[in-house]
């Protein structure tokens, strides 16, 4: 007896075999994943530079020749590998890059001072021009950086009795500034 396979039966069989092949277990795929760490820097609020009560006169009744200095710190951090972090400093009362304490009573009398990236008013003075801090490395760790101020005896001579103050704004940048 001749067996006859219909075209429909063959088509159904082929579909079943194809479906079984598609449902094979253990099939894998991959998906890529990327991230970029960008260069970035920030500075935080620092402690005040407390210059205290300024010595104005000597015991023999003359103007003092003693300079006054005091230090403080501020926090800074840059992502690890940030190129050329630089710090710029500006005085709220300064004129053309100078740093001045303003008299609180008169608001017209100033005491000029010089900031330094050290704890004791020594080293190379800072200015409005962005420059590297001598003890800072961009390594992704927050660091406490020194900042001090020095008032020369000649800059405090003959100033009126009153409180003097200033605010220094610190701006950090990186790359080719």
N, C-alpha and C. Protein backbone atom coordinates (compact mmCIF):
# COMPACT_ATOMS: atom_id res chain seq x y z
N UNK A 1 0.82 -1.14 0.00
CA UNK A 1 0.00 0.00 0.00
C UNK A 1 0.88 1.23 0.00
N UNK A 2 0.53 2.08 -0.80
CA UNK A 2 1.30 3.31 -0.95
C UNK A 2 0.85 4.32 0.10
N UNK A 3 1.85 4.87 0.81
CA UNK A 3 1.52 5.88 1.79
C UNK A 3 1.68 7.24 1.14
N UNK A 4 0.70 8.02 1.36
CA UNK A 4 0.70 9.34 0.76
C UNK A 4 0.88 10.40 1.86
N UNK A 5 1.90 11.22 1.77
CA UNK A 5 2.11 12.29 2.75
C UNK A 5 1.64 13.58 2.09
N UNK A 6 0.78 14.17 2.76
CA UNK A 6 0.23 15.39 2.17
C UNK A 6 1.20 16.55 2.36
N UNK A 7 1.02 17.49 1.53
CA UNK A 7 1.85 18.70 1.60
C UNK A 7 1.61 19.43 2.92
N UNK A 8 0.41 19.35 3.42
CA UNK A 8 0.07 20.01 4.68
C UNK A 8 0.82 19.36 5.83
N UNK A 9 0.90 18.04 5.84
CA UNK A 9 1.60 17.33 6.90
C UNK A 9 3.08 17.68 6.88
N UNK A 10 3.68 17.77 5.70
CA UNK A 10 5.08 18.15 5.58
C UNK A 10 5.32 19.58 6.09
N UNK A 11 4.45 20.48 5.78
CA UNK A 11 4.60 21.87 6.20
C UNK A 11 4.50 21.97 7.72
N UNK A 12 3.56 21.25 8.33
CA UNK A 12 3.40 21.28 9.79
C UNK A 12 4.65 20.71 10.45
N UNK A 13 5.17 19.63 9.93
CA UNK A 13 6.37 19.01 10.47
C UNK A 13 7.57 19.95 10.39
N UNK A 14 7.73 20.66 9.30
CA UNK A 14 8.83 21.59 9.12
C UNK A 14 8.74 22.74 10.12
N UNK A 15 7.53 23.23 10.34
CA UNK A 15 7.33 24.31 11.29
C UNK A 15 7.66 23.87 12.70
N UNK A 16 7.28 22.66 13.05
CA UNK A 16 7.56 22.15 14.39
C UNK A 16 9.06 22.02 14.62
N UNK A 17 9.76 21.57 13.62
CA UNK A 17 11.21 21.42 13.75
C UNK A 17 11.89 22.80 13.86
N UNK A 18 11.43 23.77 13.09
CA UNK A 18 11.99 25.11 13.14
C UNK A 18 11.72 25.75 14.49
N UNK A 19 10.54 25.60 15.02
CA UNK A 19 10.18 26.15 16.32
C UNK A 19 11.02 25.55 17.41
N UNK A 20 11.30 24.28 17.34
CA UNK A 20 12.14 23.61 18.33
C UNK A 20 13.56 24.16 18.30
N UNK A 21 14.07 24.49 17.14
CA UNK A 21 15.42 25.01 17.02
C UNK A 21 15.52 26.41 17.62
N UNK A 22 14.47 27.20 17.49
CA UNK A 22 14.47 28.56 18.03
C UNK A 22 14.40 28.56 19.55
N UNK A 23 13.85 27.58 20.15
CA UNK A 23 13.67 27.54 21.59
C UNK A 23 14.81 26.83 22.29
N UNK A 24 15.95 26.69 21.65
CA UNK A 24 17.07 25.99 22.26
C UNK A 24 17.56 26.73 23.50
N UNK A 25 17.87 26.05 24.57
CA UNK A 25 18.34 26.68 25.80
C UNK A 25 19.83 26.96 25.70
N UNK A 26 20.32 27.91 26.55
CA UNK A 26 21.75 28.23 26.57
C UNK A 26 22.16 29.29 25.58
N UNK A 27 21.24 29.91 24.89
CA UNK A 27 21.57 30.96 23.94
C UNK A 27 22.02 32.20 24.72
N UNK A 28 23.08 32.90 24.29
CA UNK A 28 23.60 34.07 25.00
C UNK A 28 23.70 35.27 24.07
N UNK A 29 23.82 36.42 24.71
CA UNK A 29 24.00 37.68 23.99
C UNK A 29 24.84 38.58 24.88
N UNK A 30 25.41 39.65 24.35
CA UNK A 30 26.17 40.61 25.15
C UNK A 30 25.62 42.01 24.92
N UNK A 31 25.77 42.85 25.94
CA UNK A 31 25.37 44.24 25.87
C UNK A 31 26.55 45.06 26.40
N UNK A 32 27.00 46.05 25.65
CA UNK A 32 28.11 46.89 26.08
C UNK A 32 27.69 47.85 27.18
N UNK A 33 28.65 48.29 27.98
CA UNK A 33 28.40 49.24 29.06
C UNK A 33 29.59 50.19 29.12
N UNK A 34 29.34 51.50 29.16
CA UNK A 34 30.45 52.47 29.20
C UNK A 34 30.17 53.55 30.23
N UNK A 35 31.21 54.20 30.69
CA UNK A 35 31.13 55.36 31.60
C UNK A 35 32.38 56.20 31.39
N UNK A 36 32.27 57.47 31.69
CA UNK A 36 33.40 58.39 31.58
C UNK A 36 33.52 59.18 32.86
N UNK A 37 34.73 59.32 33.39
CA UNK A 37 34.97 60.18 34.53
C UNK A 37 35.51 61.49 33.96
N UNK A 38 34.80 62.57 34.22
CA UNK A 38 35.19 63.88 33.69
C UNK A 38 36.11 64.60 34.67
N UNK A 39 36.96 65.44 34.14
CA UNK A 39 37.78 66.30 34.98
C UNK A 39 36.86 67.27 35.70
N UNK A 40 37.07 67.42 37.00
CA UNK A 40 36.22 68.30 37.79
C UNK A 40 36.96 68.71 39.05
N UNK A 41 36.73 69.92 39.52
CA UNK A 41 37.34 70.42 40.74
C UNK A 41 36.32 71.25 41.50
N UNK A 42 36.49 71.29 42.81
CA UNK A 42 35.65 72.15 43.65
C UNK A 42 36.41 72.57 44.89
N UNK A 43 36.04 73.72 45.44
CA UNK A 43 36.59 74.20 46.70
C UNK A 43 35.44 74.42 47.67
N UNK A 44 35.72 74.25 48.94
CA UNK A 44 34.70 74.45 49.96
C UNK A 44 35.01 75.69 50.79
N UNK A 45 34.09 75.98 51.69
CA UNK A 45 34.28 77.12 52.59
C UNK A 45 35.41 76.84 53.56
N UNK A 46 36.29 77.79 53.70
CA UNK A 46 37.43 77.62 54.59
C UNK A 46 37.23 78.32 55.91
N UNK A 47 38.20 78.15 56.78
CA UNK A 47 38.19 78.85 58.06
C UNK A 47 38.65 80.29 57.84
N UNK A 48 38.32 81.17 58.75
CA UNK A 48 38.68 82.58 58.63
C UNK A 48 40.16 82.79 58.95
N UNK A 49 40.76 83.73 58.28
CA UNK A 49 42.12 84.15 58.60
C UNK A 49 41.99 85.20 59.69
N UNK A 50 42.26 84.82 60.91
CA UNK A 50 42.07 85.71 62.06
C UNK A 50 43.39 86.43 62.37
N UNK A 51 43.51 87.65 61.88
CA UNK A 51 44.73 88.42 62.10
C UNK A 51 44.78 89.03 63.49
N UNK A 52 43.67 89.00 64.21
CA UNK A 52 43.63 89.45 65.60
C UNK A 52 43.77 90.95 65.76
N UNK A 53 44.10 91.34 66.97
CA UNK A 53 44.32 92.75 67.27
C UNK A 53 45.73 93.11 66.79
N UNK A 54 45.80 94.08 65.92
CA UNK A 54 47.08 94.44 65.31
C UNK A 54 47.93 95.25 66.27
N UNK A 55 49.18 94.88 66.37
CA UNK A 55 50.14 95.65 67.15
C UNK A 55 50.49 96.89 66.34
N UNK A 56 50.24 98.05 66.95
CA UNK A 56 50.45 99.30 66.22
C UNK A 56 51.63 100.12 66.74
N UNK A 57 51.88 100.04 68.04
CA UNK A 57 52.91 100.86 68.67
C UNK A 57 53.89 100.01 69.44
N UNK A 58 55.09 100.51 69.58
CA UNK A 58 56.09 99.82 70.39
C UNK A 58 56.06 100.41 71.80
N UNK A 59 56.78 99.79 72.72
CA UNK A 59 56.81 100.27 74.11
C UNK A 59 57.53 101.61 74.25
N UNK A 60 58.34 101.97 73.26
CA UNK A 60 59.03 103.27 73.34
C UNK A 60 58.26 104.38 72.65
N UNK A 61 56.98 104.11 72.28
CA UNK A 61 56.12 105.16 71.74
C UNK A 61 56.27 105.44 70.26
N UNK A 62 56.77 104.49 69.49
CA UNK A 62 56.89 104.66 68.04
C UNK A 62 56.00 103.64 67.31
N UNK A 63 55.81 103.89 66.04
CA UNK A 63 55.05 102.93 65.22
C UNK A 63 55.82 101.61 65.18
N UNK A 64 55.10 100.51 65.22
CA UNK A 64 55.75 99.20 65.17
C UNK A 64 56.33 98.92 63.78
N UNK A 65 57.36 98.12 63.77
CA UNK A 65 57.93 97.67 62.49
C UNK A 65 57.65 96.19 62.29
N UNK A 66 56.75 95.65 63.11
CA UNK A 66 56.42 94.22 63.07
C UNK A 66 55.28 93.96 62.09
N UNK A 67 55.51 93.02 61.21
CA UNK A 67 54.45 92.59 60.30
C UNK A 67 53.51 91.65 61.05
N UNK A 68 52.28 91.53 60.58
CA UNK A 68 51.29 90.64 61.19
C UNK A 68 50.88 89.60 60.16
N UNK A 69 50.86 88.33 60.58
CA UNK A 69 50.38 87.30 59.66
C UNK A 69 49.59 86.25 60.44
N UNK A 70 48.72 85.58 59.72
CA UNK A 70 47.90 84.51 60.29
C UNK A 70 47.49 83.57 59.16
N UNK A 71 47.17 82.35 59.52
CA UNK A 71 46.83 81.36 58.51
C UNK A 71 45.47 80.73 58.74
N UNK A 72 44.99 80.07 57.72
CA UNK A 72 43.72 79.34 57.74
C UNK A 72 43.82 78.22 56.72
N UNK A 73 42.76 77.48 56.55
CA UNK A 73 42.72 76.42 55.54
C UNK A 73 41.39 76.44 54.81
N UNK A 74 41.37 75.81 53.63
CA UNK A 74 40.14 75.60 52.89
C UNK A 74 40.24 74.24 52.21
N UNK A 75 39.09 73.54 52.03
CA UNK A 75 39.11 72.23 51.39
C UNK A 75 39.04 72.35 49.87
N UNK A 76 39.74 71.47 49.18
CA UNK A 76 39.70 71.41 47.72
C UNK A 76 39.80 69.96 47.28
N UNK A 77 39.15 69.65 46.17
CA UNK A 77 39.22 68.30 45.60
C UNK A 77 39.08 68.40 44.08
N UNK A 78 39.85 67.58 43.39
CA UNK A 78 39.72 67.42 41.93
C UNK A 78 39.70 65.93 41.64
N UNK A 79 38.94 65.53 40.63
CA UNK A 79 38.93 64.12 40.26
C UNK A 79 40.35 63.69 39.90
N UNK A 80 40.65 62.44 40.19
CA UNK A 80 41.98 61.88 39.97
C UNK A 80 42.38 62.07 38.51
N UNK A 81 43.54 62.69 38.28
CA UNK A 81 44.04 62.88 36.93
C UNK A 81 43.62 64.17 36.27
N UNK A 82 42.87 65.03 36.97
CA UNK A 82 42.50 66.33 36.39
C UNK A 82 43.77 67.09 36.08
N UNK A 83 43.87 67.61 34.87
CA UNK A 83 45.08 68.28 34.41
C UNK A 83 45.16 69.71 34.90
N UNK A 84 46.27 70.08 35.45
CA UNK A 84 46.64 71.45 35.82
C UNK A 84 45.61 72.21 36.64
N UNK A 85 45.23 71.71 37.83
CA UNK A 85 44.31 72.51 38.65
C UNK A 85 45.00 73.80 39.11
N UNK A 86 44.25 74.90 39.00
CA UNK A 86 44.79 76.21 39.37
C UNK A 86 43.78 76.94 40.24
N UNK A 87 44.28 77.76 41.16
CA UNK A 87 43.45 78.50 42.09
C UNK A 87 43.67 80.00 41.86
N UNK A 88 42.57 80.74 41.82
CA UNK A 88 42.62 82.20 41.72
C UNK A 88 41.93 82.77 42.96
N UNK A 89 42.45 83.86 43.47
CA UNK A 89 41.95 84.47 44.70
C UNK A 89 41.58 85.92 44.39
N UNK A 90 40.45 86.36 44.94
CA UNK A 90 40.01 87.74 44.73
C UNK A 90 39.49 88.32 46.03
N UNK A 91 39.82 89.57 46.28
CA UNK A 91 39.39 90.29 47.47
C UNK A 91 38.10 91.04 47.17
N UNK A 92 37.13 90.95 48.08
CA UNK A 92 35.87 91.69 47.90
C UNK A 92 36.11 93.19 47.92
N UNK A 93 37.18 93.63 48.58
CA UNK A 93 37.47 95.06 48.70
C UNK A 93 38.70 95.48 47.90
N UNK A 94 39.24 94.56 47.14
CA UNK A 94 40.46 94.84 46.39
C UNK A 94 40.20 95.67 45.15
N UNK A 95 41.25 96.29 44.69
CA UNK A 95 41.21 97.06 43.46
C UNK A 95 42.34 96.54 42.58
N UNK A 96 42.02 96.12 41.36
CA UNK A 96 43.00 95.62 40.40
C UNK A 96 43.96 94.59 41.00
N UNK A 97 43.40 93.55 41.55
CA UNK A 97 44.21 92.45 42.06
C UNK A 97 44.77 92.65 43.45
N UNK A 98 44.52 93.80 44.08
CA UNK A 98 45.02 94.00 45.44
C UNK A 98 44.06 93.37 46.44
N UNK A 99 44.52 93.19 47.66
CA UNK A 99 43.72 92.62 48.74
C UNK A 99 43.66 93.66 49.85
N UNK A 100 42.42 94.01 50.26
CA UNK A 100 42.27 95.06 51.26
C UNK A 100 41.19 94.69 52.27
N UNK A 101 41.50 94.96 53.54
CA UNK A 101 40.51 94.88 54.61
C UNK A 101 39.83 96.25 54.67
N UNK A 102 38.52 96.28 54.78
CA UNK A 102 37.80 97.55 54.84
C UNK A 102 37.40 97.84 56.28
N UNK A 103 37.53 99.12 56.65
CA UNK A 103 37.13 99.54 58.00
C UNK A 103 35.62 99.45 58.16
N UNK A 104 35.19 98.79 59.23
CA UNK A 104 33.76 98.55 59.44
C UNK A 104 32.97 99.78 59.81
N UNK A 105 33.60 100.77 60.43
CA UNK A 105 32.89 101.98 60.85
C UNK A 105 32.90 103.02 59.74
N UNK A 106 34.07 103.29 59.19
CA UNK A 106 34.18 104.34 58.18
C UNK A 106 33.85 103.86 56.78
N UNK A 107 34.13 102.60 56.50
CA UNK A 107 33.96 102.02 55.16
C UNK A 107 34.72 102.80 54.09
N UNK A 108 35.64 103.63 54.51
CA UNK A 108 36.48 104.37 53.56
C UNK A 108 37.96 104.17 53.86
N UNK A 109 38.27 103.49 54.93
CA UNK A 109 39.66 103.26 55.31
C UNK A 109 39.99 101.78 55.09
N UNK A 110 41.14 101.52 54.52
CA UNK A 110 41.52 100.16 54.15
C UNK A 110 42.90 99.82 54.70
N UNK A 111 43.11 98.53 54.95
CA UNK A 111 44.44 98.01 55.27
C UNK A 111 44.77 96.99 54.19
N UNK A 112 45.84 97.24 53.46
CA UNK A 112 46.29 96.34 52.39
C UNK A 112 47.00 95.14 53.02
N UNK A 113 46.76 93.97 52.46
CA UNK A 113 47.44 92.75 52.92
C UNK A 113 47.77 91.88 51.73
N UNK A 114 48.58 90.85 51.97
CA UNK A 114 49.00 89.94 50.90
C UNK A 114 48.70 88.51 51.33
N UNK A 115 47.96 87.75 50.50
CA UNK A 115 47.71 86.33 50.81
C UNK A 115 48.81 85.43 50.24
N UNK A 116 49.03 84.30 50.93
CA UNK A 116 50.03 83.32 50.53
C UNK A 116 49.44 81.91 50.62
N UNK A 117 49.90 80.99 49.77
CA UNK A 117 49.43 79.61 49.86
C UNK A 117 50.26 78.81 50.87
N UNK A 118 50.43 79.39 52.06
CA UNK A 118 51.20 78.76 53.13
C UNK A 118 50.45 79.03 54.43
N UNK A 119 50.92 78.46 55.51
CA UNK A 119 50.24 78.66 56.80
C UNK A 119 50.77 79.87 57.56
N UNK A 120 51.90 80.46 57.08
CA UNK A 120 52.57 81.48 57.88
C UNK A 120 52.92 82.77 57.13
N UNK A 121 52.30 83.04 56.01
CA UNK A 121 52.58 84.28 55.28
C UNK A 121 53.92 84.31 54.61
N UNK A 122 54.40 83.14 54.17
CA UNK A 122 55.68 83.07 53.46
C UNK A 122 55.48 82.38 52.12
N UNK A 123 56.49 82.45 51.30
CA UNK A 123 56.44 81.82 49.98
C UNK A 123 56.08 82.84 48.91
N UNK A 124 55.54 82.36 47.82
CA UNK A 124 55.14 83.22 46.72
C UNK A 124 53.70 83.69 46.94
N UNK A 125 53.49 84.99 46.93
CA UNK A 125 52.16 85.56 47.16
C UNK A 125 51.20 85.13 46.06
N UNK A 126 49.92 85.00 46.42
CA UNK A 126 48.89 84.69 45.43
C UNK A 126 48.34 86.00 44.87
N UNK A 127 47.70 85.88 43.73
CA UNK A 127 47.12 87.07 43.10
C UNK A 127 45.83 86.66 42.41
N UNK A 128 45.26 87.57 41.68
CA UNK A 128 44.04 87.27 40.93
C UNK A 128 44.30 86.33 39.77
N UNK A 129 45.56 86.12 39.43
CA UNK A 129 45.92 85.21 38.35
C UNK A 129 45.91 83.77 38.85
N UNK A 130 45.27 82.89 38.10
CA UNK A 130 45.19 81.48 38.50
C UNK A 130 46.57 80.85 38.49
N UNK A 131 46.88 80.14 39.58
CA UNK A 131 48.18 79.46 39.70
C UNK A 131 48.00 78.19 40.51
N UNK A 132 48.91 77.27 40.32
CA UNK A 132 48.88 76.00 41.06
C UNK A 132 49.14 76.28 42.54
N UNK A 133 48.49 75.50 43.41
CA UNK A 133 48.78 75.58 44.85
C UNK A 133 49.95 74.63 45.10
N UNK A 134 50.99 75.06 45.79
CA UNK A 134 52.20 74.25 45.92
C UNK A 134 52.02 72.88 46.58
N UNK A 135 50.95 72.69 47.35
CA UNK A 135 50.80 71.39 48.03
C UNK A 135 49.58 70.62 47.57
N UNK A 136 49.05 70.96 46.39
CA UNK A 136 47.83 70.29 45.92
C UNK A 136 48.12 69.36 44.75
N UNK A 137 47.56 68.15 44.82
CA UNK A 137 47.63 67.17 43.74
C UNK A 137 46.22 66.69 43.45
N UNK A 138 45.84 66.65 42.18
CA UNK A 138 44.50 66.18 41.78
C UNK A 138 44.49 64.65 41.86
N UNK A 139 44.04 64.12 43.01
CA UNK A 139 44.06 62.67 43.21
C UNK A 139 42.71 62.10 43.65
N UNK A 140 41.65 62.92 43.57
CA UNK A 140 40.32 62.44 43.94
C UNK A 140 40.05 62.42 45.43
N UNK A 141 40.97 62.97 46.24
CA UNK A 141 40.81 63.00 47.69
C UNK A 141 40.72 64.46 48.14
N UNK A 142 39.76 64.77 49.00
CA UNK A 142 39.64 66.12 49.54
C UNK A 142 40.88 66.45 50.37
N UNK A 143 41.42 67.64 50.13
CA UNK A 143 42.64 68.06 50.82
C UNK A 143 42.42 69.40 51.49
N UNK A 144 43.04 69.59 52.63
CA UNK A 144 42.97 70.85 53.35
C UNK A 144 44.18 71.69 52.92
N UNK A 145 43.92 72.81 52.26
CA UNK A 145 45.00 73.64 51.72
C UNK A 145 45.19 74.88 52.59
N UNK A 146 46.45 75.28 52.75
CA UNK A 146 46.78 76.45 53.54
C UNK A 146 46.54 77.73 52.75
N UNK A 147 46.12 78.76 53.47
CA UNK A 147 46.02 80.11 52.95
C UNK A 147 46.29 81.04 54.12
N UNK A 148 47.20 81.98 53.94
CA UNK A 148 47.52 82.91 55.02
C UNK A 148 47.53 84.33 54.47
N UNK A 149 47.59 85.28 55.38
CA UNK A 149 47.64 86.69 55.00
C UNK A 149 48.71 87.38 55.84
N UNK A 150 49.36 88.34 55.21
CA UNK A 150 50.38 89.12 55.92
C UNK A 150 50.08 90.61 55.70
N UNK A 151 50.09 91.34 56.82
CA UNK A 151 49.97 92.80 56.77
C UNK A 151 51.33 93.38 57.13
N UNK A 152 51.88 94.17 56.23
CA UNK A 152 53.16 94.82 56.52
C UNK A 152 52.94 95.95 57.52
N UNK A 153 53.94 96.20 58.34
CA UNK A 153 53.85 97.25 59.35
C UNK A 153 53.50 98.59 58.71
N UNK A 154 54.07 98.88 57.57
CA UNK A 154 53.79 100.16 56.90
C UNK A 154 52.34 100.26 56.41
N UNK A 155 51.69 99.10 56.15
CA UNK A 155 50.31 99.13 55.67
C UNK A 155 49.29 99.30 56.79
N UNK A 156 49.69 99.03 58.02
CA UNK A 156 48.75 99.19 59.14
C UNK A 156 49.00 100.47 59.94
N UNK A 157 50.12 101.14 59.68
CA UNK A 157 50.46 102.37 60.41
C UNK A 157 49.40 103.44 60.19
N UNK A 158 49.08 104.13 61.26
CA UNK A 158 48.17 105.29 61.26
C UNK A 158 46.72 104.94 60.93
N UNK A 159 46.33 103.69 61.04
CA UNK A 159 44.93 103.32 60.77
C UNK A 159 44.08 103.62 61.99
N UNK A 160 42.81 103.93 61.74
CA UNK A 160 41.87 104.28 62.80
C UNK A 160 41.46 103.07 63.62
N UNK A 161 41.05 103.31 64.85
CA UNK A 161 40.54 102.27 65.74
C UNK A 161 39.17 101.85 65.21
N UNK A 162 39.05 100.63 64.75
CA UNK A 162 37.80 100.03 64.26
C UNK A 162 38.11 98.61 63.81
N UNK A 163 37.11 97.86 63.50
CA UNK A 163 37.30 96.51 62.97
C UNK A 163 37.42 96.59 61.45
N UNK A 164 38.27 95.72 60.89
CA UNK A 164 38.49 95.66 59.45
C UNK A 164 38.20 94.23 58.99
N UNK A 165 37.65 94.09 57.80
CA UNK A 165 37.33 92.75 57.30
C UNK A 165 37.39 92.70 55.77
N UNK A 166 37.45 91.50 55.28
CA UNK A 166 37.44 91.24 53.84
C UNK A 166 36.93 89.83 53.61
N UNK A 167 36.53 89.54 52.41
CA UNK A 167 36.16 88.19 51.99
C UNK A 167 36.99 87.84 50.77
N UNK A 168 37.66 86.70 50.85
CA UNK A 168 38.45 86.22 49.71
C UNK A 168 37.62 85.16 48.99
N UNK A 169 37.44 85.35 47.70
CA UNK A 169 36.76 84.35 46.87
C UNK A 169 37.84 83.51 46.19
N UNK A 170 37.72 82.18 46.34
CA UNK A 170 38.69 81.27 45.73
C UNK A 170 37.98 80.54 44.60
N UNK A 171 38.57 80.60 43.43
CA UNK A 171 38.02 79.94 42.25
C UNK A 171 39.04 78.92 41.76
N UNK A 172 38.59 77.68 41.57
CA UNK A 172 39.48 76.63 41.05
C UNK A 172 39.08 76.33 39.60
N UNK A 173 40.07 76.15 38.78
CA UNK A 173 39.86 75.80 37.37
C UNK A 173 40.91 74.75 36.99
N UNK A 174 40.80 74.22 35.82
CA UNK A 174 41.76 73.18 35.41
C UNK A 174 41.94 73.22 33.90
N UNK A 175 42.97 72.53 33.46
CA UNK A 175 43.30 72.53 32.03
C UNK A 175 44.19 73.71 31.71
N UNK A 176 44.10 74.21 30.53
CA UNK A 176 44.93 75.33 30.11
C UNK A 176 44.18 76.63 30.37
N UNK A 177 44.43 77.20 31.53
CA UNK A 177 43.76 78.44 31.94
C UNK A 177 44.72 79.58 31.77
